[in-house]
Amino acid sequence: MERLIAIRPLAADDLDAVLQIQAQCPEIVAWSRASYAPVVRGEYPGWVAAADSRVLGFVVSRKTAEEAEILNLAVLPEARRQGIGSRLLVQVLEEARQAGARRVWLEVRASNAAAIRFYERHGFRLRGLRRDYYSNPREDALLYCCELVQSPQGK
C-alpha cells in the first residue's frame, strides 16, 4: 500500500524534524534553528513533505525581482527515490512561476552527483562555479539555473 505524502507549508512545529533531516544530510548547508525564523514567519517560502505526520523532506526558497533561489532542499536518506524531492522541487518551481519569476537558481556541491542528476532531470542547467563555497569539507559549488516558462497571461 502506497502512503499518502502531503506537501504543506513549513511550520514552527516542523523545525525539530527539519533539523534532524539536516543532521542526516551532510551534503547540504546546515542552518541553525534561528535561521528558519523568516520561513516560519512566511517571509521565505518553505515546504515540507509529510506522511502520517512524519516530515520526510523539506525545501526553502526565496524570490527577488524576477528570480527565485532554492536555499535548501533535503529528503531523509531512507525516503529518497520515492518522488518526494521531485514533488518539493515542483512545488517551488510552480510557486516561483506564479509569482512572476523567470528563472530559479541553486548551488550544489560539485561532488554530489546524485543531486546534479536530479536537478538536471528537472530542467536545471549548469551556469557557473563558486570556488570554495562549501565548508566541512571545503568544496566548490556548481551554480545551476532553471528557466521558467510563463503562462500566457505573463504570470
C-alpha atoms as a PDB file:
ATOM      1  CA  MET A   1       0.000   0.000   0.000  1.00  0.00           C
ATOM      2  CA  GLU A   2       1.420   3.371  -1.034  1.00  0.00           C
ATOM      3  CA  ARG A   3       1.495   6.024   1.656  1.00  0.00           C
ATOM      4  CA  LEU A   4      -0.033   9.424   1.073  1.00  0.00           C
ATOM      5  CA  ILE A   5       2.570  12.181   1.081  1.00  0.00           C
ATOM      6  CA  ALA A   6       1.327  15.710   1.658  1.00  0.00           C
ATOM      7  CA  ILE A   7       3.214  18.849   0.667  1.00  0.00           C
ATOM      8  CA  ARG A   8       2.398  21.677   3.066  1.00  0.00           C
ATOM      9  CA  PRO A   9       3.958  24.928   4.295  1.00  0.00           C
ATOM     10  CA  LEU A  10       6.813  24.543   6.758  1.00  0.00           C
ATOM     11  CA  ALA A  11       5.603  25.483  10.254  1.00  0.00           C
ATOM     12  CA  ALA A  12       7.344  26.100  13.579  1.00  0.00           C
ATOM     13  CA  ASP A  13       6.245  22.628  14.733  1.00  0.00           C
ATOM     14  CA  ASP A  14       8.292  21.127  11.871  1.00  0.00           C
ATOM     15  CA  LEU A  15      11.639  22.609  12.927  1.00  0.00           C
ATOM     16  CA  ASP A  16      12.788  19.661  15.073  1.00  0.00           C
ATOM     17  CA  ALA A  17      12.166  17.299  12.151  1.00  0.00           C
ATOM     18  CA  VAL A  18      13.847  19.651   9.654  1.00  0.00           C
ATOM     19  CA  LEU A  19      16.931  19.914  11.865  1.00  0.00           C
ATOM     20  CA  GLN A  20      17.021  16.109  12.207  1.00  0.00           C
ATOM     21  CA  ILE A  21      16.878  15.736   8.424  1.00  0.00           C
ATOM     22  CA  GLN A  22      19.729  18.241   8.067  1.00  0.00           C
ATOM     23  CA  ALA A  23      21.805  16.211  10.513  1.00  0.00           C
ATOM     24  CA  GLN A  24      21.414  13.179   8.234  1.00  0.00           C
ATOM     25  CA  CYS A  25      22.245  15.096   5.051  1.00  0.00           C
ATOM     26  CA  PRO A  26      25.825  16.388   5.252  1.00  0.00           C
ATOM     27  CA  GLU A  27      25.741  17.348   1.576  1.00  0.00           C
ATOM     28  CA  ILE A  28      23.551  20.388   2.309  1.00  0.00           C
ATOM     29  CA  VAL A  29      24.316  23.543   4.270  1.00  0.00           C
ATOM     30  CA  ALA A  30      23.009  23.055   7.795  1.00  0.00           C
ATOM     31  CA  TRP A  31      21.067  26.020   9.117  1.00  0.00           C
ATOM     32  CA  SER A  32      20.525  26.889  12.760  1.00  0.00           C
ATOM     33  CA  ARG A  33      17.036  26.850  14.248  1.00  0.00           C
ATOM     34  CA  ALA A  34      17.111  30.667  14.258  1.00  0.00           C
ATOM     35  CA  SER A  35      17.870  30.719  10.513  1.00  0.00           C
ATOM     36  CA  TYR A  36      14.412  29.261   9.873  1.00  0.00           C
ATOM     37  CA  ALA A  37      12.608  32.168  11.603  1.00  0.00           C
ATOM     38  CA  PRO A  38      11.942  34.041   8.308  1.00  0.00           C
ATOM     39  CA  VAL A  39      10.499  30.837   6.845  1.00  0.00           C
ATOM     40  CA  VAL A  40       8.193  30.241   9.803  1.00  0.00           C
ATOM     41  CA  ARG A  41       7.083  33.907   9.644  1.00  0.00           C
ATOM     42  CA  GLY A  42       6.238  33.467   5.953  1.00  0.00           C
ATOM     43  CA  GLU A  43       8.966  35.785   4.648  1.00  0.00           C
ATOM     44  CA  TYR A  44      10.550  32.947   2.626  1.00  0.00           C
ATOM     45  CA  PRO A  45       8.560  30.073   1.202  1.00  0.00           C
ATOM     46  CA  GLY A  46       9.264  26.769   2.885  1.00  0.00           C
ATOM     47  CA  TRP A  47       7.555  23.427   2.350  1.00  0.00           C
ATOM     48  CA  VAL A  48       7.658  20.017   3.949  1.00  0.00           C
ATOM     49  CA  ALA A  49       6.717  16.614   2.598  1.00  0.00           C
ATOM     50  CA  ALA A  50       4.986  14.591   5.303  1.00  0.00           C
ATOM     51  CA  ALA A  51       3.425  11.153   5.555  1.00  0.00           C
ATOM     52  CA  ASP A  52       1.469  10.069   8.609  1.00  0.00           C
ATOM     53  CA  SER A  53       2.547  13.346  10.297  1.00  0.00           C
ATOM     54  CA  ARG A  54       6.242  12.452   9.844  1.00  0.00           C
ATOM     55  CA  VAL A  55       8.306  15.010   7.940  1.00  0.00           C
ATOM     56  CA  LEU A  56      10.313  13.224   5.232  1.00  0.00           C
ATOM     57  CA  GLY A  57      11.794  16.205   3.416  1.00  0.00           C
ATOM     58  CA  PHE A  58      11.784  19.981   3.123  1.00  0.00           C
ATOM     59  CA  VAL A  59      12.654  22.838   0.812  1.00  0.00           C
ATOM     60  CA  VAL A  60      13.265  26.537   1.422  1.00  0.00           C
ATOM     61  CA  SER A  61      13.424  29.175  -1.292  1.00  0.00           C
ATOM     62  CA  ARG A  62      13.176  32.909  -1.787  1.00  0.00           C
ATOM     63  CA  LYS A  63      12.153  35.225  -4.602  1.00  0.00           C
ATOM     64  CA  THR A  64      13.733  38.517  -5.534  1.00  0.00           C
ATOM     65  CA  ALA A  65      12.603  40.548  -8.529  1.00  0.00           C
ATOM     66  CA  GLU A  66      12.249  38.145 -11.462  1.00  0.00           C
ATOM     67  CA  GLU A  67      14.371  35.387  -9.949  1.00  0.00           C
ATOM     68  CA  ALA A  68      13.992  32.772  -7.244  1.00  0.00           C
ATOM     69  CA  GLU A  69      16.592  30.723  -5.428  1.00  0.00           C
ATOM     70  CA  ILE A  70      16.400  27.352  -3.756  1.00  0.00           C
ATOM     71  CA  LEU A  71      18.245  27.790  -0.484  1.00  0.00           C
ATOM     72  CA  ASN A  72      17.977  24.259   0.905  1.00  0.00           C
ATOM     73  CA  LEU A  73      16.331  21.005  -0.152  1.00  0.00           C
ATOM     74  CA  ALA A  74      16.733  17.674   1.618  1.00  0.00           C
ATOM     75  CA  VAL A  75      14.982  14.326   1.956  1.00  0.00           C
ATOM     76  CA  LEU A  76      15.636  11.734   4.634  1.00  0.00           C
ATOM     77  CA  PRO A  77      18.089   9.172   3.233  1.00  0.00           C
ATOM     78  CA  GLU A  78      15.641   6.285   3.776  1.00  0.00           C
ATOM     79  CA  ALA A  79      12.864   8.202   1.987  1.00  0.00           C
ATOM     80  CA  ARG A  80      14.827   9.026  -1.166  1.00  0.00           C
ATOM     81  CA  ARG A  81      13.976   7.740  -4.647  1.00  0.00           C
ATOM     82  CA  GLN A  82      10.251   7.861  -3.893  1.00  0.00           C
ATOM     83  CA  GLY A  83       9.475  11.130  -5.699  1.00  0.00           C
ATOM     84  CA  ILE A  84       9.490  13.269  -2.549  1.00  0.00           C
ATOM     85  CA  GLY A  85      12.319  15.548  -3.698  1.00  0.00           C
ATOM     86  CA  SER A  86      10.641  15.937  -7.083  1.00  0.00           C
ATOM     87  CA  ARG A  87       7.361  16.943  -5.502  1.00  0.00           C
ATOM     88  CA  LEU A  88       9.086  19.513  -3.302  1.00  0.00           C
ATOM     89  CA  LEU A  89      11.045  20.894  -6.254  1.00  0.00           C
ATOM     90  CA  VAL A  90       7.952  21.115  -8.468  1.00  0.00           C
ATOM     91  CA  GLN A  91       6.153  22.977  -5.655  1.00  0.00           C
ATOM     92  CA  VAL A  92       8.918  25.603  -5.564  1.00  0.00           C
ATOM     93  CA  LEU A  93       9.136  25.926  -9.352  1.00  0.00           C
ATOM     94  CA  GLU A  94       5.391  26.362  -9.721  1.00  0.00           C
ATOM     95  CA  GLU A  95       5.186  28.865  -6.876  1.00  0.00           C
ATOM     96  CA  ALA A  96       8.083  30.850  -8.346  1.00  0.00           C
ATOM     97  CA  ARG A  97       6.476  30.840 -11.796  1.00  0.00           C
ATOM     98  CA  GLN A  98       3.150  32.039 -10.391  1.00  0.00           C
ATOM     99  CA  ALA A  99       4.959  34.813  -8.502  1.00  0.00           C
ATOM    100  CA  GLY A 100       6.464  36.058 -11.771  1.00  0.00           C
ATOM    101  CA  ALA A 101       9.969  34.596 -11.522  1.00  0.00           C
ATOM    102  CA  ARG A 102      11.622  33.899 -14.852  1.00  0.00           C
ATOM    103  CA  ARG A 103      14.350  31.635 -13.502  1.00  0.00           C
ATOM    104  CA  VAL A 104      15.304  29.675 -10.405  1.00  0.00           C
ATOM    105  CA  TRP A 105      18.891  29.341  -9.172  1.00  0.00           C
ATOM    106  CA  LEU A 106      20.607  26.944  -6.798  1.00  0.00           C
ATOM    107  CA  GLU A 107      24.041  25.772  -5.720  1.00  0.00           C
ATOM    108  CA  VAL A 108      25.040  22.127  -5.365  1.00  0.00           C
ATOM    109  CA  ARG A 109      28.248  20.531  -4.135  1.00  0.00           C
ATOM    110  CA  ALA A 110      30.465  19.631  -7.091  1.00  0.00           C
ATOM    111  CA  SER A 111      30.812  16.084  -5.705  1.00  0.00           C
ATOM    112  CA  ASN A 112      27.063  15.479  -5.274  1.00  0.00           C
ATOM    113  CA  ALA A 113      26.479  13.508  -8.465  1.00  0.00           C
ATOM    114  CA  ALA A 114      23.023  12.270  -7.408  1.00  0.00           C
ATOM    115  CA  ALA A 115      21.763  15.816  -6.770  1.00  0.00           C
ATOM    116  CA  ILE A 116      23.286  17.059 -10.019  1.00  0.00           C
ATOM    117  CA  ARG A 117      21.466  14.333 -11.983  1.00  0.00           C
ATOM    118  CA  PHE A 118      18.243  15.113 -10.066  1.00  0.00           C
ATOM    119  CA  TYR A 119      18.358  18.836 -10.859  1.00  0.00           C
ATOM    120  CA  GLU A 120      19.331  18.275 -14.494  1.00  0.00           C
ATOM    121  CA  ARG A 121      16.354  15.895 -14.894  1.00  0.00           C
ATOM    122  CA  HIS A 122      14.162  18.773 -13.719  1.00  0.00           C
ATOM    123  CA  GLY A 123      15.468  21.266 -16.283  1.00  0.00           C
ATOM    124  CA  PHE A 124      18.328  22.895 -14.387  1.00  0.00           C
ATOM    125  CA  ARG A 125      21.435  23.715 -16.413  1.00  0.00           C
ATOM    126  CA  LEU A 126      24.969  24.458 -15.242  1.00  0.00           C
ATOM    127  CA  ARG A 127      25.679  28.201 -15.328  1.00  0.00           C
ATOM    128  CA  GLY A 128      28.786  28.687 -13.205  1.00  0.00           C
ATOM    129  CA  LEU A 129      31.123  27.713 -10.407  1.00  0.00           C
ATOM    130  CA  ARG A 130      31.642  29.167  -6.945  1.00  0.00           C
ATOM    131  CA  ARG A 131      35.084  28.191  -5.703  1.00  0.00           C
ATOM    132  CA  ASP A 132      35.387  27.023  -2.090  1.00  0.00           C
ATOM    133  CA  TYR A 133      31.714  27.811  -1.460  1.00  0.00           C
ATOM    134  CA  TYR A 134      31.140  24.964   0.988  1.00  0.00           C
ATOM    135  CA  SER A 135      32.999  24.124   4.163  1.00  0.00           C
ATOM    136  CA  ASN A 136      33.208  20.837   6.101  1.00  0.00           C
ATOM    137  CA  PRO A 137      34.589  19.728   3.722  1.00  0.00           C
ATOM    138  CA  ARG A 138      35.737  22.715   1.675  1.00  0.00           C
ATOM    139  CA  GLU A 139      34.352  22.288  -1.802  1.00  0.00           C
ATOM    140  CA  ASP A 140      33.271  24.161  -4.900  1.00  0.00           C
ATOM    141  CA  ALA A 141      29.614  24.779  -5.651  1.00  0.00           C
ATOM    142  CA  LEU A 142      28.124  24.361  -9.087  1.00  0.00           C
ATOM    143  CA  LEU A 143      25.625  27.089  -9.912  1.00  0.00           C
ATOM    144  CA  TYR A 144      22.527  25.807 -11.697  1.00  0.00           C
ATOM    145  CA  CYS A 145      19.615  27.661 -13.261  1.00  0.00           C
ATOM    146  CA  CYS A 146      16.176  26.623 -14.490  1.00  0.00           C
ATOM    147  CA  GLU A 147      14.441  28.942 -16.940  1.00  0.00           C
ATOM    148  CA  LEU A 148      10.703  29.039 -16.203  1.00  0.00           C
ATOM    149  CA  VAL A 149       8.009  29.062 -18.833  1.00  0.00           C
ATOM    150  CA  GLN A 150       5.492  31.795 -18.121  1.00  0.00           C
ATOM    151  CA  SER A 151       1.747  31.331 -18.593  1.00  0.00           C
ATOM    152  CA  PRO A 152       0.072  33.234 -21.471  1.00  0.00           C
ATOM    153  CA  GLN A 153      -1.136  35.904 -19.004  1.00  0.00           C
ATOM    154  CA  GLY A 154       2.509  36.646 -18.141  1.00  0.00           C
ATOM    155  CA  LYS A 155       2.285  35.246 -14.624  1.00  0.00           C
END
